Amino acid sequence: MKATLVLNILSTIAAGIAIIMLSLDFLFDPMPYGCYYYHYNHICRYDYPIE
């Protein structure tokens, strides 16, 4: 009984942290950028259109 209570509390805390992090990701999302490969180089640019 005590172990299940601890697991429920930890699960609730983890879910709360995940929701907060997801919300912050949506709020502070930078300008969209695209990545592409050019001559075996992985390049990411803010002005590259996303497909």
PDB file of N, CA and C in Angstrom:
ATOM      1  N   MET A   1       0.828  -1.194   0.000  1.00  0.00           N
ATOM      2  CA  MET A   1       0.000   0.000   0.000  1.00  0.00           C
ATOM      3  C   MET A   1       0.873   1.258   0.000  1.00  0.00           C
ATOM      4  N   LYS A   2       1.905   1.281   0.820  1.00  0.00           N
ATOM      5  CA  LYS A   2       2.772   2.448   0.886  1.00  0.00           C
ATOM      6  C   LYS A   2       3.576   2.606  -0.402  1.00  0.00           C
ATOM      7  N   ALA A   3       4.011   1.487  -0.983  1.00  0.00           N
ATOM      8  CA  ALA A   3       4.793   1.550  -2.223  1.00  0.00           C
ATOM      9  C   ALA A   3       3.945   2.085  -3.376  1.00  0.00           C
ATOM     10  N   THR A   4       2.692   1.687  -3.446  1.00  0.00           N
ATOM     11  CA  THR A   4       1.831   2.186  -4.526  1.00  0.00           C
ATOM     12  C   THR A   4       1.579   3.683  -4.377  1.00  0.00           C
ATOM     13  N   LEU A   5       1.461   4.147  -3.141  1.00  0.00           N
ATOM     14  CA  LEU A   5       1.281   5.580  -2.915  1.00  0.00           C
ATOM     15  C   LEU A   5       2.511   6.355  -3.385  1.00  0.00           C
ATOM     16  N   VAL A   6       3.692   5.838  -3.077  1.00  0.00           N
ATOM     17  CA  VAL A   6       4.928   6.494  -3.511  1.00  0.00           C
ATOM     18  C   VAL A   6       5.020   6.499  -5.027  1.00  0.00           C
ATOM     19  N   LEU A   7       4.680   5.383  -5.667  1.00  0.00           N
ATOM     20  CA  LEU A   7       4.732   5.321  -7.127  1.00  0.00           C
ATOM     21  C   LEU A   7       3.717   6.265  -7.758  1.00  0.00           C
ATOM     22  N   ASN A   8       2.547   6.379  -7.175  1.00  0.00           N
ATOM     23  CA  ASN A   8       1.546   7.312  -7.697  1.00  0.00           C
ATOM     24  C   ASN A   8       2.023   8.755  -7.573  1.00  0.00           C
ATOM     25  N   ILE A   9       2.647   9.078  -6.464  1.00  0.00           N
ATOM     26  CA  ILE A   9       3.162  10.438  -6.280  1.00  0.00           C
ATOM     27  C   ILE A   9       4.271  10.726  -7.279  1.00  0.00           C
ATOM     28  N   LEU A  10       5.196   9.788  -7.445  1.00  0.00           N
ATOM     29  CA  LEU A  10       6.281   9.981  -8.411  1.00  0.00           C
ATOM     30  C   LEU A  10       5.750  10.095  -9.838  1.00  0.00           C
ATOM     31  N   SER A  11       4.745   9.304 -10.158  1.00  0.00           N
ATOM     32  CA  SER A  11       4.151   9.363 -11.487  1.00  0.00           C
ATOM     33  C   SER A  11       3.471  10.707 -11.721  1.00  0.00           C
ATOM     34  N   THR A  12       2.791  11.208 -10.716  1.00  0.00           N
ATOM     35  CA  THR A  12       2.133  12.508 -10.828  1.00  0.00           C
ATOM     36  C   THR A  12       3.152  13.627 -10.999  1.00  0.00           C
ATOM     37  N   ILE A  13       4.236  13.561 -10.251  1.00  0.00           N
ATOM     38  CA  ILE A  13       5.290  14.576 -10.374  1.00  0.00           C
ATOM     39  C   ILE A  13       5.921  14.519 -11.761  1.00  0.00           C
ATOM     40  N   ALA A  14       6.196  13.318 -12.254  1.00  0.00           N
ATOM     41  CA  ALA A  14       6.800  13.173 -13.583  1.00  0.00           C
ATOM     42  C   ALA A  14       5.863  13.700 -14.668  1.00  0.00           C
ATOM     43  N   ALA A  15       4.573  13.411 -14.551  1.00  0.00           N
ATOM     44  CA  ALA A  15       3.610  13.902 -15.537  1.00  0.00           C
ATOM     45  C   ALA A  15       3.518  15.425 -15.486  1.00  0.00           C
ATOM     46  N   GLY A  16       3.546  15.987 -14.295  1.00  0.00           N
ATOM     47  CA  GLY A  16       3.502  17.442 -14.161  1.00  0.00           C
ATOM     48  C   GLY A  16       4.711  18.107 -14.782  1.00  0.00           C
ATOM     49  N   ILE A  17       5.887  17.539 -14.549  1.00  0.00           N
ATOM     50  CA  ILE A  17       7.110  18.091 -15.142  1.00  0.00           C
ATOM     51  C   ILE A  17       7.051  17.992 -16.662  1.00  0.00           C
ATOM     52  N   ALA A  18       6.546  16.873 -17.174  1.00  0.00           N
ATOM     53  CA  ALA A  18       6.448  16.702 -18.627  1.00  0.00           C
ATOM     54  C   ALA A  18       5.495  17.727 -19.233  1.00  0.00           C
ATOM     55  N   ILE A  19       4.382  17.984 -18.579  1.00  0.00           N
ATOM     56  CA  ILE A  19       3.422  18.969 -19.085  1.00  0.00           C
ATOM     57  C   ILE A  19       4.032  20.366 -19.068  1.00  0.00           C
ATOM     58  N   ILE A  20       4.739  20.702 -18.006  1.00  0.00           N
ATOM     59  CA  ILE A  20       5.378  22.020 -17.918  1.00  0.00           C
ATOM     60  C   ILE A  20       6.432  22.175 -19.006  1.00  0.00           C
ATOM     61  N   MET A  21       7.251  21.152 -19.218  1.00  0.00           N
ATOM     62  CA  MET A  21       8.294  21.241 -20.241  1.00  0.00           C
ATOM     63  C   MET A  21       7.690  21.355 -21.640  1.00  0.00           C
ATOM     64  N   LEU A  22       6.617  20.620 -21.905  1.00  0.00           N
ATOM     65  CA  LEU A  22       5.962  20.701 -23.205  1.00  0.00           C
ATOM     66  C   LEU A  22       5.352  22.081 -23.416  1.00  0.00           C
ATOM     67  N   SER A  23       4.751  22.631 -22.371  1.00  0.00           N
ATOM     68  CA  SER A  23       4.172  23.972 -22.474  1.00  0.00           C
ATOM     69  C   SER A  23       5.250  25.015 -22.745  1.00  0.00           C
ATOM     70  N   LEU A  24       6.382  24.905 -22.064  1.00  0.00           N
ATOM     71  CA  LEU A  24       7.475  25.847 -22.293  1.00  0.00           C
ATOM     72  C   LEU A  24       8.037  25.712 -23.701  1.00  0.00           C
ATOM     73  N   ASP A  25       8.045  24.490 -24.220  1.00  0.00           N
ATOM     74  CA  ASP A  25       8.528  24.275 -25.582  1.00  0.00           C
ATOM     75  C   ASP A  25       7.623  24.982 -26.581  1.00  0.00           C
ATOM     76  N   PHE A  26       6.320  24.935 -26.355  1.00  0.00           N
ATOM     77  CA  PHE A  26       5.391  25.611 -27.258  1.00  0.00           C
ATOM     78  C   PHE A  26       5.472  27.131 -27.113  1.00  0.00           C
ATOM     79  N   LEU A  27       5.704  27.623 -25.912  1.00  0.00           N
ATOM     80  CA  LEU A  27       5.752  29.069 -25.688  1.00  0.00           C
ATOM     81  C   LEU A  27       7.017  29.704 -26.242  1.00  0.00           C
ATOM     82  N   PHE A  28       8.147  29.067 -26.022  1.00  0.00           N
ATOM     83  CA  PHE A  28       9.426  29.656 -26.386  1.00  0.00           C
ATOM     84  C   PHE A  28      10.045  28.993 -27.601  1.00  0.00           C
ATOM     85  N   ASP A  29       9.218  28.511 -28.500  1.00  0.00           N
ATOM     86  CA  ASP A  29       9.712  27.856 -29.708  1.00  0.00           C
ATOM     87  C   ASP A  29      10.352  28.907 -30.614  1.00  0.00           C
ATOM     88  N   PRO A  30      11.586  28.686 -31.041  1.00  0.00           N
ATOM     89  CA  PRO A  30      12.218  29.668 -31.924  1.00  0.00           C
ATOM     90  C   PRO A  30      11.580  29.653 -33.307  1.00  0.00           C
ATOM     91  N   MET A  31      12.034  30.547 -34.138  1.00  0.00           N
ATOM     92  CA  MET A  31      11.532  30.583 -35.505  1.00  0.00           C
ATOM     93  C   MET A  31      11.789  29.232 -36.164  1.00  0.00           C
ATOM     94  N   PRO A  32      10.869  28.800 -36.997  1.00  0.00           N
ATOM     95  CA  PRO A  32      11.073  27.495 -37.646  1.00  0.00           C
ATOM     96  C   PRO A  32      12.306  27.510 -38.544  1.00  0.00           C
ATOM     97  N   TYR A  33      13.004  26.427 -38.533  1.00  0.00           N
ATOM     98  CA  TYR A  33      14.188  26.306 -39.358  1.00  0.00           C
ATOM     99  C   TYR A  33      14.197  24.939 -40.014  1.00  0.00           C
ATOM    100  N   GLY A  34      14.930  24.837 -41.065  1.00  0.00           N
ATOM    101  CA  GLY A  34      15.016  23.587 -41.792  1.00  0.00           C
ATOM    102  C   GLY A  34      16.440  23.074 -41.841  1.00  0.00           C
ATOM    103  N   CYS A  35      16.558  21.776 -41.973  1.00  0.00           N
ATOM    104  CA  CYS A  35      17.867  21.145 -42.070  1.00  0.00           C
ATOM    105  C   CYS A  35      17.956  20.393 -43.396  1.00  0.00           C
ATOM    106  N   TYR A  36      19.139  20.354 -43.948  1.00  0.00           N
ATOM    107  CA  TYR A  36      19.345  19.635 -45.191  1.00  0.00           C
ATOM    108  C   TYR A  36      20.779  19.121 -45.245  1.00  0.00           C
ATOM    109  N   TYR A  37      21.012  18.233 -46.188  1.00  0.00           N
ATOM    110  CA  TYR A  37      22.350  17.682 -46.394  1.00  0.00           C
ATOM    111  C   TYR A  37      22.923  18.257 -47.683  1.00  0.00           C
ATOM    112  N   TYR A  38      24.165  18.710 -47.619  1.00  0.00           N
ATOM    113  CA  TYR A  38      24.836  19.258 -48.785  1.00  0.00           C
ATOM    114  C   TYR A  38      26.278  18.780 -48.768  1.00  0.00           C
ATOM    115  N   HIS A  39      26.633  17.983 -49.737  1.00  0.00           N
ATOM    116  CA  HIS A  39      27.976  17.407 -49.830  1.00  0.00           C
ATOM    117  C   HIS A  39      28.379  16.737 -48.514  1.00  0.00           C
ATOM    118  N   TYR A  40      27.507  15.882 -48.011  1.00  0.00           N
ATOM    119  CA  TYR A  40      27.724  15.103 -46.785  1.00  0.00           C
ATOM    120  C   TYR A  40      27.830  15.973 -45.529  1.00  0.00           C
ATOM    121  N   ASN A  41      27.338  17.187 -45.581  1.00  0.00           N
ATOM    122  CA  ASN A  41      27.307  18.066 -44.412  1.00  0.00           C
ATOM    123  C   ASN A  41      25.860  18.279 -43.990  1.00  0.00           C
ATOM    124  N   HIS A  42      25.607  18.179 -42.717  1.00  0.00           N
ATOM    125  CA  HIS A  42      24.278  18.424 -42.174  1.00  0.00           C
ATOM    126  C   HIS A  42      24.197  19.896 -41.785  1.00  0.00           C
ATOM    127  N   ILE A  43      23.317  20.643 -42.461  1.00  0.00           N
ATOM    128  CA  ILE A  43      23.232  22.086 -42.264  1.00  0.00           C
ATOM    129  C   ILE A  43      21.814  22.449 -41.830  1.00  0.00           C
ATOM    130  N   CYS A  44      21.707  23.275 -40.789  1.00  0.00           N
ATOM    131  CA  CYS A  44      20.413  23.787 -40.337  1.00  0.00           C
ATOM    132  C   CYS A  44      20.437  25.307 -40.429  1.00  0.00           C
ATOM    133  N   ARG A  45      19.387  25.863 -41.038  1.00  0.00           N
ATOM    134  CA  ARG A  45      19.296  27.315 -41.195  1.00  0.00           C
ATOM    135  C   ARG A  45      17.895  27.776 -40.821  1.00  0.00           C
ATOM    136  N   TYR A  46      17.812  29.002 -40.292  1.00  0.00           N
ATOM    137  CA  TYR A  46      16.512  29.548 -39.915  1.00  0.00           C
ATOM    138  C   TYR A  46      15.692  29.984 -41.117  1.00  0.00           C
ATOM    139  N   ASP A  47      16.342  30.351 -42.196  1.00  0.00           N
ATOM    140  CA  ASP A  47      15.593  30.834 -43.349  1.00  0.00           C
ATOM    141  C   ASP A  47      15.344  29.748 -44.393  1.00  0.00           C
ATOM    142  N   TYR A  48      15.706  28.515 -44.084  1.00  0.00           N
ATOM    143  CA  TYR A  48      15.483  27.413 -45.022  1.00  0.00           C
ATOM    144  C   TYR A  48      14.054  26.911 -44.849  1.00  0.00           C
ATOM    145  N   PRO A  49      13.280  26.810 -45.923  1.00  0.00           N
ATOM    146  CA  PRO A  49      11.876  26.387 -45.772  1.00  0.00           C
ATOM    147  C   PRO A  49      11.753  24.938 -45.305  1.00  0.00           C
ATOM    148  N   ILE A  50      10.776  24.713 -44.455  1.00  0.00           N
ATOM    149  CA  ILE A  50      10.506  23.365 -43.952  1.00  0.00           C
ATOM    150  C   ILE A  50       9.562  22.674 -44.915  1.00  0.00           C
ATOM    151  N   GLU A  51       9.872  21.469 -45.288  1.00  0.00           N
ATOM    152  CA  GLU A  51       9.029  20.724 -46.225  1.00  0.00           C
ATOM    153  C   GLU A  51       8.123  19.780 -45.492  1.00  0.00           C
TER     154      GLU A  51
END
